[in-house]
Amino acid sequence: VAEAFAHFAEFGLIGGAIRVDGTIQAYAMAEELHPGTAVWHFEKAMGDIPGLGQLINQWFAKHGLSGFEYVNREQDLGIPGIRQAKESYFPHHLVYKNCISLTATQSITAKSIKAEGCAAHQH
């Protein structure tokens, strides 16, 4: 996250923040993946303000990423809570993820698997 803030313009990032009493209490960052699609990298909201996480998600999608038809929320790493949170936004579709592993001889094998299983299949 610190690297993203340090190189915000250089990386071509899109960001948004919510201030409460002049202090940033929530932020989100994304970038254009290709025309029409943004990839949402992360967001953070202070846990002591109820509903702030939902608010930064709604606000950033509506105002920060309004020019994109699709928003890719990245993988959930197989973590049930993250998957549940992402599914609560009723995604348009899910994309299968491809994992590639290299052996000592540098041969390549690829498996088409669901995003939640990819991390478990990495070598």
N, C-alpha and C. Protein backbone atom coordinates (compact mmCIF):
# COMPACT_ATOMS: atom_id res chain seq x y z
N VAL A 1 0.83 -1.18 0.00
CA VAL A 1 0.00 0.00 0.00
C VAL A 1 0.88 1.26 0.00
N ALA A 2 1.92 1.25 0.81
CA ALA A 2 2.81 2.41 0.86
C ALA A 2 3.45 2.66 -0.50
N GLU A 3 3.81 1.59 -1.19
CA GLU A 3 4.41 1.71 -2.53
C GLU A 3 3.41 2.33 -3.51
N ALA A 4 2.15 1.94 -3.40
CA ALA A 4 1.11 2.50 -4.27
C ALA A 4 0.95 4.00 -4.03
N PHE A 5 0.93 4.41 -2.77
CA PHE A 5 0.83 5.85 -2.48
C PHE A 5 2.07 6.59 -2.98
N ALA A 6 3.24 6.01 -2.81
CA ALA A 6 4.49 6.67 -3.20
C ALA A 6 4.59 6.86 -4.71
N HIS A 7 3.99 5.96 -5.48
CA HIS A 7 4.10 6.00 -6.94
C HIS A 7 2.73 6.09 -7.61
N PHE A 8 1.80 6.76 -6.97
CA PHE A 8 0.41 6.83 -7.42
C PHE A 8 0.29 7.23 -8.89
N ALA A 9 0.84 8.36 -9.27
CA ALA A 9 0.74 8.84 -10.65
C ALA A 9 1.54 7.97 -11.60
N GLU A 10 2.73 7.58 -11.19
CA GLU A 10 3.60 6.74 -12.02
C GLU A 10 2.92 5.42 -12.38
N PHE A 11 2.18 4.83 -11.44
CA PHE A 11 1.49 3.56 -11.68
C PHE A 11 0.15 3.76 -12.38
N GLY A 12 -0.27 5.00 -12.58
CA GLY A 12 -1.55 5.27 -13.24
C GLY A 12 -2.75 4.88 -12.40
N LEU A 13 -2.64 5.06 -11.10
CA LEU A 13 -3.71 4.64 -10.19
C LEU A 13 -4.84 5.66 -10.14
N ILE A 14 -6.00 5.17 -9.77
CA ILE A 14 -7.19 5.98 -9.54
C ILE A 14 -7.52 5.79 -8.07
N GLY A 15 -7.79 6.86 -7.37
CA GLY A 15 -8.05 6.71 -5.94
C GLY A 15 -9.16 7.61 -5.45
N GLY A 16 -9.63 7.29 -4.28
CA GLY A 16 -10.64 8.09 -3.61
C GLY A 16 -10.49 7.93 -2.12
N ALA A 17 -10.95 8.93 -1.39
CA ALA A 17 -10.85 8.88 0.07
C ALA A 17 -12.05 9.56 0.69
N ILE A 18 -12.34 9.17 1.91
CA ILE A 18 -13.39 9.81 2.70
C ILE A 18 -12.73 10.40 3.93
N ARG A 19 -12.97 11.68 4.15
CA ARG A 19 -12.45 12.36 5.33
C ARG A 19 -13.58 12.54 6.35
N VAL A 20 -13.24 12.37 7.59
CA VAL A 20 -14.14 12.65 8.70
C VAL A 20 -13.41 13.64 9.60
N ASP A 21 -14.01 14.81 9.79
CA ASP A 21 -13.38 15.87 10.58
C ASP A 21 -11.96 16.18 10.09
N GLY A 22 -11.78 16.18 8.76
CA GLY A 22 -10.51 16.55 8.16
C GLY A 22 -9.46 15.46 8.08
N THR A 23 -9.76 14.27 8.61
CA THR A 23 -8.80 13.17 8.61
C THR A 23 -9.29 12.05 7.70
N ILE A 24 -8.40 11.53 6.86
CA ILE A 24 -8.79 10.41 5.99
C ILE A 24 -9.10 9.20 6.86
N GLN A 25 -10.32 8.68 6.69
CA GLN A 25 -10.77 7.53 7.45
C GLN A 25 -11.01 6.30 6.57
N ALA A 26 -11.04 6.51 5.24
CA ALA A 26 -11.22 5.40 4.30
C ALA A 26 -10.62 5.80 2.96
N TYR A 27 -10.08 4.81 2.25
CA TYR A 27 -9.55 5.08 0.92
C TYR A 27 -9.68 3.82 0.06
N ALA A 28 -9.60 4.02 -1.25
CA ALA A 28 -9.65 2.92 -2.21
C ALA A 28 -8.75 3.27 -3.39
N MET A 29 -8.17 2.23 -4.02
CA MET A 29 -7.31 2.43 -5.19
C MET A 29 -7.60 1.38 -6.25
N ALA A 30 -7.53 1.82 -7.49
CA ALA A 30 -7.76 0.95 -8.64
C ALA A 30 -6.91 1.47 -9.80
N GLU A 31 -6.99 0.77 -10.91
CA GLU A 31 -6.36 1.24 -12.14
C GLU A 31 -7.11 0.68 -13.33
N GLU A 32 -6.91 1.28 -14.49
CA GLU A 32 -7.52 0.77 -15.70
C GLU A 32 -6.79 -0.50 -16.12
N LEU A 33 -7.54 -1.59 -16.26
CA LEU A 33 -6.97 -2.85 -16.73
C LEU A 33 -6.88 -2.81 -18.24
N HIS A 34 -7.96 -2.42 -18.87
CA HIS A 34 -8.05 -2.16 -20.31
C HIS A 34 -9.31 -1.32 -20.51
N PRO A 35 -9.51 -0.74 -21.69
CA PRO A 35 -10.67 0.14 -21.88
C PRO A 35 -11.97 -0.56 -21.45
N GLY A 36 -12.70 0.10 -20.58
CA GLY A 36 -13.98 -0.44 -20.12
C GLY A 36 -13.91 -1.23 -18.83
N THR A 37 -12.69 -1.59 -18.39
CA THR A 37 -12.55 -2.40 -17.17
C THR A 37 -11.48 -1.82 -16.25
N ALA A 38 -11.86 -1.64 -15.00
CA ALA A 38 -10.91 -1.22 -13.96
C ALA A 38 -10.65 -2.40 -13.05
N VAL A 39 -9.46 -2.47 -12.51
CA VAL A 39 -9.15 -3.49 -11.51
C VAL A 39 -8.97 -2.76 -10.18
N TRP A 40 -9.80 -3.16 -9.22
CA TRP A 40 -9.84 -2.54 -7.89
C TRP A 40 -8.84 -3.28 -7.03
N HIS A 41 -7.78 -2.60 -6.63
CA HIS A 41 -6.71 -3.26 -5.89
C HIS A 41 -7.01 -3.40 -4.40
N PHE A 42 -7.45 -2.34 -3.77
CA PHE A 42 -7.71 -2.44 -2.33
C PHE A 42 -8.48 -1.25 -1.83
N GLU A 43 -9.06 -1.44 -0.66
CA GLU A 43 -9.67 -0.35 0.08
C GLU A 43 -9.44 -0.61 1.56
N LYS A 44 -9.51 0.45 2.32
CA LYS A 44 -9.32 0.34 3.77
C LYS A 44 -10.24 1.36 4.42
N ALA A 45 -10.92 0.93 5.47
CA ALA A 45 -11.79 1.83 6.23
C ALA A 45 -11.55 1.59 7.71
N MET A 46 -11.56 2.65 8.48
CA MET A 46 -11.38 2.53 9.92
C MET A 46 -12.57 1.77 10.50
N GLY A 47 -12.28 0.75 11.28
CA GLY A 47 -13.31 -0.14 11.80
C GLY A 47 -14.20 0.47 12.87
N ASP A 48 -13.79 1.59 13.45
CA ASP A 48 -14.59 2.17 14.52
C ASP A 48 -15.72 3.07 14.01
N ILE A 49 -15.87 3.17 12.69
CA ILE A 49 -16.96 3.96 12.11
C ILE A 49 -17.88 2.99 11.37
N PRO A 50 -19.03 2.67 11.95
CA PRO A 50 -19.95 1.70 11.33
C PRO A 50 -20.37 2.11 9.92
N GLY A 51 -20.30 1.16 8.99
CA GLY A 51 -20.75 1.39 7.62
C GLY A 51 -19.75 2.07 6.72
N LEU A 52 -18.59 2.45 7.24
CA LEU A 52 -17.62 3.18 6.43
C LEU A 52 -17.05 2.32 5.31
N GLY A 53 -16.84 1.04 5.56
CA GLY A 53 -16.35 0.15 4.51
C GLY A 53 -17.32 0.06 3.35
N GLN A 54 -18.60 -0.07 3.66
CA GLN A 54 -19.62 -0.12 2.61
C GLN A 54 -19.70 1.21 1.87
N LEU A 55 -19.55 2.31 2.61
CA LEU A 55 -19.64 3.63 2.00
C LEU A 55 -18.49 3.87 1.02
N ILE A 56 -17.25 3.54 1.39
CA ILE A 56 -16.14 3.75 0.46
C ILE A 56 -16.31 2.88 -0.78
N ASN A 57 -16.83 1.67 -0.60
CA ASN A 57 -17.07 0.81 -1.76
C ASN A 57 -18.11 1.42 -2.69
N GLN A 58 -19.22 1.87 -2.14
CA GLN A 58 -20.28 2.45 -2.96
C GLN A 58 -19.81 3.75 -3.62
N TRP A 59 -19.21 4.62 -2.82
CA TRP A 59 -18.79 5.92 -3.33
C TRP A 59 -17.74 5.78 -4.43
N PHE A 60 -16.72 4.95 -4.20
CA PHE A 60 -15.64 4.82 -5.17
C PHE A 60 -16.14 4.18 -6.47
N ALA A 61 -17.00 3.18 -6.36
CA ALA A 61 -17.56 2.57 -7.57
C ALA A 61 -18.39 3.58 -8.36
N LYS A 62 -19.18 4.37 -7.67
CA LYS A 62 -20.07 5.33 -8.34
C LYS A 62 -19.33 6.54 -8.88
N HIS A 63 -18.39 7.07 -8.14
CA HIS A 63 -17.73 8.32 -8.53
C HIS A 63 -16.32 8.12 -9.08
N GLY A 64 -15.53 7.28 -8.47
CA GLY A 64 -14.16 7.09 -8.91
C GLY A 64 -14.03 6.23 -10.15
N LEU A 65 -14.96 5.28 -10.30
CA LEU A 65 -14.86 4.33 -11.42
C LEU A 65 -16.08 4.39 -12.33
N SER A 66 -16.76 5.52 -12.36
CA SER A 66 -18.00 5.64 -13.13
C SER A 66 -17.80 5.47 -14.63
N GLY A 67 -16.61 5.69 -15.14
CA GLY A 67 -16.37 5.57 -16.57
C GLY A 67 -16.10 4.15 -17.05
N PHE A 68 -16.16 3.19 -16.15
CA PHE A 68 -15.86 1.81 -16.51
C PHE A 68 -17.13 0.96 -16.50
N GLU A 69 -17.25 0.10 -17.50
CA GLU A 69 -18.40 -0.81 -17.55
C GLU A 69 -18.26 -1.92 -16.51
N TYR A 70 -17.03 -2.42 -16.34
CA TYR A 70 -16.77 -3.50 -15.40
C TYR A 70 -15.70 -3.09 -14.39
N VAL A 71 -15.83 -3.64 -13.19
CA VAL A 71 -14.83 -3.45 -12.15
C VAL A 71 -14.41 -4.83 -11.67
N ASN A 72 -13.14 -5.15 -11.85
CA ASN A 72 -12.58 -6.43 -11.41
C ASN A 72 -12.11 -6.25 -9.97
N ARG A 73 -12.71 -7.00 -9.06
CA ARG A 73 -12.36 -6.87 -7.63
C ARG A 73 -11.22 -7.82 -7.22
N GLU A 74 -10.53 -8.37 -8.17
CA GLU A 74 -9.41 -9.29 -7.94
C GLU A 74 -9.86 -10.55 -7.22
N GLN A 75 -8.92 -11.41 -6.95
CA GLN A 75 -9.24 -12.71 -6.36
C GLN A 75 -9.48 -12.62 -4.86
N ASP A 76 -10.14 -13.64 -4.32
CA ASP A 76 -10.45 -13.66 -2.89
C ASP A 76 -9.51 -14.57 -2.11
N LEU A 77 -8.51 -15.14 -2.78
CA LEU A 77 -7.49 -15.98 -2.15
C LEU A 77 -8.07 -17.19 -1.43
N GLY A 78 -9.30 -17.55 -1.76
CA GLY A 78 -9.93 -18.70 -1.11
C GLY A 78 -10.38 -18.43 0.31
N ILE A 79 -10.39 -17.19 0.72
CA ILE A 79 -10.81 -16.82 2.08
C ILE A 79 -12.32 -16.62 2.08
N PRO A 80 -13.06 -17.46 2.83
CA PRO A 80 -14.53 -17.42 2.77
C PRO A 80 -15.14 -16.04 3.05
N GLY A 81 -14.64 -15.30 4.01
CA GLY A 81 -15.20 -13.98 4.32
C GLY A 81 -15.05 -13.00 3.17
N ILE A 82 -13.91 -13.07 2.49
CA ILE A 82 -13.69 -12.18 1.35
C ILE A 82 -14.61 -12.59 0.20
N ARG A 83 -14.73 -13.88 -0.05
CA ARG A 83 -15.62 -14.35 -1.12
C ARG A 83 -17.05 -13.91 -0.83
N GLN A 84 -17.51 -14.08 0.40
CA GLN A 84 -18.87 -13.71 0.77
C GLN A 84 -19.09 -12.21 0.58
N ALA A 85 -18.13 -11.40 1.00
CA ALA A 85 -18.25 -9.95 0.84
C ALA A 85 -18.34 -9.57 -0.63
N LYS A 86 -17.52 -10.18 -1.46
CA LYS A 86 -17.54 -9.87 -2.89
C LYS A 86 -18.84 -10.32 -3.55
N GLU A 87 -19.34 -11.48 -3.15
CA GLU A 87 -20.59 -11.97 -3.73
C GLU A 87 -21.78 -11.12 -3.29
N SER A 88 -21.67 -10.42 -2.17
CA SER A 88 -22.77 -9.57 -1.71
C SER A 88 -22.99 -8.38 -2.65
N TYR A 89 -22.03 -8.09 -3.52
CA TYR A 89 -22.17 -7.02 -4.51
C TYR A 89 -22.77 -7.54 -5.82
N PHE A 90 -23.18 -8.80 -5.85
CA PHE A 90 -23.82 -9.42 -7.02
C PHE A 90 -23.02 -9.18 -8.30
N PRO A 91 -21.84 -9.79 -8.40
CA PRO A 91 -21.00 -9.57 -9.58
C PRO A 91 -21.69 -10.00 -10.87
N HIS A 92 -21.38 -9.29 -11.93
CA HIS A 92 -21.92 -9.61 -13.26
C HIS A 92 -21.51 -11.02 -13.67
N HIS A 93 -20.24 -11.37 -13.44
CA HIS A 93 -19.75 -12.71 -13.75
C HIS A 93 -18.44 -12.95 -13.01
N LEU A 94 -18.07 -14.22 -12.92
CA LEU A 94 -16.79 -14.60 -12.34
C LEU A 94 -15.90 -15.10 -13.46
N VAL A 95 -14.63 -14.86 -13.36
CA VAL A 95 -13.67 -15.27 -14.37
C VAL A 95 -12.80 -16.37 -13.80
N TYR A 96 -12.62 -17.43 -14.56
CA TYR A 96 -11.73 -18.50 -14.13
C TYR A 96 -10.29 -18.01 -14.22
N LYS A 97 -9.51 -18.44 -13.29
CA LYS A 97 -8.12 -18.02 -13.21
C LYS A 97 -7.22 -19.15 -13.71
N ASN A 98 -6.16 -18.79 -14.37
CA ASN A 98 -5.19 -19.76 -14.84
C ASN A 98 -3.93 -19.66 -14.00
N CYS A 99 -3.45 -20.79 -13.53
CA CYS A 99 -2.19 -20.84 -12.78
C CYS A 99 -1.16 -21.56 -13.63
N ILE A 100 0.02 -21.03 -13.66
CA ILE A 100 1.11 -21.65 -14.40
C ILE A 100 2.23 -21.95 -13.41
N SER A 101 2.75 -23.17 -13.48
CA SER A 101 3.86 -23.52 -12.60
C SER A 101 5.03 -24.00 -13.44
N LEU A 102 6.23 -23.64 -13.02
CA LEU A 102 7.45 -24.03 -13.72
C LEU A 102 8.18 -25.08 -12.90
N THR A 103 8.67 -26.11 -13.56
CA THR A 103 9.48 -27.11 -12.88
C THR A 103 10.95 -26.73 -13.03
N ALA A 104 11.81 -27.52 -12.48
CA ALA A 104 13.25 -27.25 -12.57
C ALA A 104 13.72 -27.21 -14.02
N THR A 105 13.06 -27.94 -14.90
CA THR A 105 13.45 -27.94 -16.32
C THR A 105 12.73 -26.85 -17.11
N GLN A 106 11.98 -25.99 -16.41
CA GLN A 106 11.27 -24.87 -17.01
C GLN A 106 10.14 -25.28 -17.96
N SER A 107 9.63 -26.49 -17.83
CA SER A 107 8.45 -26.83 -18.63
C SER A 107 7.24 -26.18 -17.98
N ILE A 108 6.24 -25.89 -18.77
CA ILE A 108 5.07 -25.17 -18.27
C ILE A 108 3.84 -26.06 -18.34
N THR A 109 3.08 -26.05 -17.25
CA THR A 109 1.77 -26.69 -17.23
C THR A 109 0.78 -25.65 -16.75
N ALA A 110 -0.41 -25.67 -17.28
CA ALA A 110 -1.43 -24.70 -16.87
C ALA A 110 -2.70 -25.44 -16.51
N LYS A 111 -3.37 -24.95 -15.49
CA LYS A 111 -4.64 -25.51 -15.06
C LYS A 111 -5.66 -24.37 -15.01
N SER A 112 -6.81 -24.58 -15.61
CA SER A 112 -7.88 -23.60 -15.51
C SER A 112 -8.70 -23.97 -14.28
N ILE A 113 -8.66 -23.11 -13.29
CA ILE A 113 -9.36 -23.38 -12.03
C ILE A 113 -10.07 -22.14 -11.56
N LYS A 114 -11.02 -22.30 -10.66
CA LYS A 114 -11.71 -21.14 -10.11
C LYS A 114 -10.73 -20.31 -9.29
N ALA A 115 -10.99 -19.02 -9.20
CA ALA A 115 -10.09 -18.10 -8.52
C ALA A 115 -9.80 -18.51 -7.09
N GLU A 116 -10.79 -19.08 -6.39
CA GLU A 116 -10.56 -19.39 -4.99
C GLU A 116 -9.59 -20.54 -4.81
N GLY A 117 -9.34 -21.33 -5.85
CA GLY A 117 -8.43 -22.45 -5.71
C GLY A 117 -7.03 -22.19 -6.20
N CYS A 118 -6.80 -21.07 -6.83
CA CYS A 118 -5.51 -20.82 -7.46
C CYS A 118 -4.37 -20.78 -6.47
N ALA A 119 -4.53 -20.08 -5.38
CA ALA A 119 -3.44 -19.96 -4.41
C ALA A 119 -3.02 -21.31 -3.87
N ALA A 120 -3.97 -22.21 -3.71
CA ALA A 120 -3.67 -23.53 -3.17
C ALA A 120 -2.92 -24.40 -4.18
N HIS A 121 -2.97 -24.04 -5.46
CA HIS A 121 -2.33 -24.85 -6.49
C HIS A 121 -0.99 -24.29 -6.95
N GLN A 122 -0.53 -23.20 -6.37
CA GLN A 122 0.74 -22.64 -6.79
C GLN A 122 1.88 -23.51 -6.28
N HIS A 123 2.95 -23.60 -7.07
CA HIS A 123 4.13 -24.39 -6.71
C HIS A 123 5.32 -23.49 -6.56
